[in-house]
Amino acid sequence: MDELKQKAIRHHYAKLIDSLNPLRVMDHLANLLSLEEIELIRKSQFTPQERTRELIVILCRKNEELGPFDCFIKALEETDNNHEMMAKAILKTYVCLLFAR
């Protein structure tokens, strides 16, 4: 993932860790994640916060050509209102970072 997009996500990291439902979001990322990545995130011993951390790490490692940032934003928008608000906040941060260059 592009460094600026990673930075936008990291800016909201604490909020994502506290309130993201990683399993619901992950369901919308089935075309982007491998079966191994899905199984790793779903490990039963993981807390929701640990699952979210793992999901973010995996997304940030994805090739930019696969569009992981856009897929993540779309997944957030499609899950629930709280996630949709997070998507808007991340996008706003990304735009601010773009213009700050």
C-alpha atoms as a PDB file:
ATOM      1  CA  MET A   1       0.000   0.000   0.000  1.00  0.00           C
ATOM      2  CA  ASP A   2       1.129   3.522  -0.753  1.00  0.00           C
ATOM      3  CA  GLU A   3       2.919   5.198   2.176  1.00  0.00           C
ATOM      4  CA  LEU A   4       0.523   8.171   2.336  1.00  0.00           C
ATOM      5  CA  LYS A   5      -2.482   5.854   2.489  1.00  0.00           C
ATOM      6  CA  GLN A   6      -0.824   3.874   5.278  1.00  0.00           C
ATOM      7  CA  LYS A   7      -0.202   7.126   7.129  1.00  0.00           C
ATOM      8  CA  ALA A   8      -3.892   8.075   6.827  1.00  0.00           C
ATOM      9  CA  ILE A   9      -4.890   4.726   8.324  1.00  0.00           C
ATOM     10  CA  ARG A  10      -2.274   4.986  11.097  1.00  0.00           C
ATOM     11  CA  HIS A  11      -3.647   8.433  11.988  1.00  0.00           C
ATOM     12  CA  HIS A  12      -6.914   6.680  12.961  1.00  0.00           C
ATOM     13  CA  TYR A  13      -5.275   3.513  14.291  1.00  0.00           C
ATOM     14  CA  ALA A  14      -6.467   3.788  17.908  1.00  0.00           C
ATOM     15  CA  LYS A  15     -10.072   4.417  16.847  1.00  0.00           C
ATOM     16  CA  LEU A  16      -9.925   1.514  14.390  1.00  0.00           C
ATOM     17  CA  ILE A  17      -8.527  -0.828  17.053  1.00  0.00           C
ATOM     18  CA  ASP A  18     -11.222   0.206  19.552  1.00  0.00           C
ATOM     19  CA  SER A  19     -14.287   0.077  17.335  1.00  0.00           C
ATOM     20  CA  LEU A  20     -13.706  -1.902  14.142  1.00  0.00           C
ATOM     21  CA  ASN A  21     -15.461  -5.229  13.687  1.00  0.00           C
ATOM     22  CA  PRO A  22     -12.719  -6.974  11.699  1.00  0.00           C
ATOM     23  CA  LEU A  23     -14.739 -10.059  10.775  1.00  0.00           C
ATOM     24  CA  ARG A  24     -17.550  -8.021   9.226  1.00  0.00           C
ATOM     25  CA  VAL A  25     -15.086  -5.840   7.326  1.00  0.00           C
ATOM     26  CA  MET A  26     -13.058  -8.855   6.246  1.00  0.00           C
ATOM     27  CA  ASP A  27     -16.139 -10.407   4.634  1.00  0.00           C
ATOM     28  CA  HIS A  28     -16.103  -7.481   2.186  1.00  0.00           C
ATOM     29  CA  LEU A  29     -12.422  -8.036   1.395  1.00  0.00           C
ATOM     30  CA  ALA A  30     -12.727 -11.653   0.224  1.00  0.00           C
ATOM     31  CA  ASN A  31     -11.412 -10.807  -3.264  1.00  0.00           C
ATOM     32  CA  LEU A  32      -8.331  -9.088  -1.822  1.00  0.00           C
ATOM     33  CA  LEU A  33      -7.339 -11.473   0.983  1.00  0.00           C
ATOM     34  CA  SER A  34      -5.943 -14.962   0.495  1.00  0.00           C
ATOM     35  CA  LEU A  35      -7.459 -17.927   2.323  1.00  0.00           C
ATOM     36  CA  GLU A  36      -4.351 -18.074   4.516  1.00  0.00           C
ATOM     37  CA  GLU A  37      -4.753 -14.402   5.465  1.00  0.00           C
ATOM     38  CA  ILE A  38      -8.426 -14.905   6.258  1.00  0.00           C
ATOM     39  CA  GLU A  39      -7.645 -17.891   8.478  1.00  0.00           C
ATOM     40  CA  LEU A  40      -4.864 -15.984  10.236  1.00  0.00           C
ATOM     41  CA  ILE A  41      -7.227 -13.103  11.053  1.00  0.00           C
ATOM     42  CA  ARG A  42      -9.988 -15.463  12.200  1.00  0.00           C
ATOM     43  CA  LYS A  43      -7.807 -17.333  14.709  1.00  0.00           C
ATOM     44  CA  SER A  44     -10.051 -18.061  17.656  1.00  0.00           C
ATOM     45  CA  GLN A  45      -7.493 -17.008  20.259  1.00  0.00           C
ATOM     46  CA  PHE A  46      -7.316 -13.495  18.792  1.00  0.00           C
ATOM     47  CA  THR A  47      -9.324 -10.729  20.426  1.00  0.00           C
ATOM     48  CA  PRO A  48     -11.219  -8.376  18.083  1.00  0.00           C
ATOM     49  CA  GLN A  49      -8.477  -5.800  18.645  1.00  0.00           C
ATOM     50  CA  GLU A  50      -5.761  -8.301  17.663  1.00  0.00           C
ATOM     51  CA  ARG A  51      -7.759  -9.276  14.577  1.00  0.00           C
ATOM     52  CA  THR A  52      -8.010  -5.614  13.595  1.00  0.00           C
ATOM     53  CA  ARG A  53      -4.262  -5.130  14.050  1.00  0.00           C
ATOM     54  CA  GLU A  54      -3.549  -8.175  11.888  1.00  0.00           C
ATOM     55  CA  LEU A  55      -6.005  -7.030   9.204  1.00  0.00           C
ATOM     56  CA  ILE A  56      -4.369  -3.589   9.027  1.00  0.00           C
ATOM     57  CA  VAL A  57      -0.875  -5.114   8.813  1.00  0.00           C
ATOM     58  CA  ILE A  58      -1.953  -7.420   5.989  1.00  0.00           C
ATOM     59  CA  LEU A  59      -3.645  -4.599   4.072  1.00  0.00           C
ATOM     60  CA  CYS A  60      -0.621  -2.322   4.419  1.00  0.00           C
ATOM     61  CA  ARG A  61       1.620  -5.045   2.970  1.00  0.00           C
ATOM     62  CA  LYS A  62      -0.557  -5.507  -0.124  1.00  0.00           C
ATOM     63  CA  ASN A  63       0.681  -4.246  -3.483  1.00  0.00           C
ATOM     64  CA  GLU A  64      -0.696  -0.836  -4.404  1.00  0.00           C
ATOM     65  CA  GLU A  65      -1.848  -2.287  -7.747  1.00  0.00           C
ATOM     66  CA  LEU A  66      -4.392  -4.403  -5.881  1.00  0.00           C
ATOM     67  CA  GLY A  67      -6.018  -1.272  -4.427  1.00  0.00           C
ATOM     68  CA  PRO A  68      -5.990  -2.299  -0.751  1.00  0.00           C
ATOM     69  CA  PHE A  69      -6.764   1.219   0.520  1.00  0.00           C
ATOM     70  CA  ASP A  70      -9.776   1.668  -1.745  1.00  0.00           C
ATOM     71  CA  CYS A  71     -11.017  -1.839  -0.943  1.00  0.00           C
ATOM     72  CA  PHE A  72     -10.677  -1.161   2.793  1.00  0.00           C
ATOM     73  CA  ILE A  73     -12.545   2.150   2.539  1.00  0.00           C
ATOM     74  CA  LYS A  74     -15.328   0.517   0.514  1.00  0.00           C
ATOM     75  CA  ALA A  75     -15.549  -2.356   3.024  1.00  0.00           C
ATOM     76  CA  LEU A  76     -15.876   0.140   5.879  1.00  0.00           C
ATOM     77  CA  GLU A  77     -18.592   2.045   4.018  1.00  0.00           C
ATOM     78  CA  GLU A  78     -20.571  -1.135   3.375  1.00  0.00           C
ATOM     79  CA  THR A  79     -20.601  -2.610   6.889  1.00  0.00           C
ATOM     80  CA  ASP A  80     -22.324  -0.106   9.192  1.00  0.00           C
ATOM     81  CA  ASN A  81     -22.700   3.589  10.052  1.00  0.00           C
ATOM     82  CA  ASN A  82     -19.830   3.631  12.554  1.00  0.00           C
ATOM     83  CA  HIS A  83     -17.472   2.060  10.022  1.00  0.00           C
ATOM     84  CA  GLU A  84     -18.739   4.451   7.351  1.00  0.00           C
ATOM     85  CA  MET A  85     -17.825   7.422   9.563  1.00  0.00           C
ATOM     86  CA  MET A  86     -14.343   5.953  10.032  1.00  0.00           C
ATOM     87  CA  ALA A  87     -14.000   5.597   6.255  1.00  0.00           C
ATOM     88  CA  LYS A  88     -14.886   9.265   5.785  1.00  0.00           C
ATOM     89  CA  ALA A  89     -12.393  10.322   8.460  1.00  0.00           C
ATOM     90  CA  ILE A  90      -9.598   8.251   6.899  1.00  0.00           C
ATOM     91  CA  LEU A  91     -10.358   9.643   3.438  1.00  0.00           C
ATOM     92  CA  LYS A  92     -10.378  13.193   4.789  1.00  0.00           C
ATOM     93  CA  THR A  93      -6.984  12.616   6.418  1.00  0.00           C
ATOM     94  CA  TYR A  94      -5.638  11.154   3.178  1.00  0.00           C
ATOM     95  CA  VAL A  95      -6.774  14.195   1.177  1.00  0.00           C
ATOM     96  CA  CYS A  96      -5.181  16.528   3.743  1.00  0.00           C
ATOM     97  CA  LEU A  97      -1.921  14.572   3.511  1.00  0.00           C
ATOM     98  CA  LEU A  98      -2.017  14.789  -0.288  1.00  0.00           C
ATOM     99  CA  PHE A  99      -2.397  18.562  -0.232  1.00  0.00           C
ATOM    100  CA  ALA A 100       0.277  18.950   2.452  1.00  0.00           C
ATOM    101  CA  ARG A 101       2.936  17.520   0.140  1.00  0.00           C
END
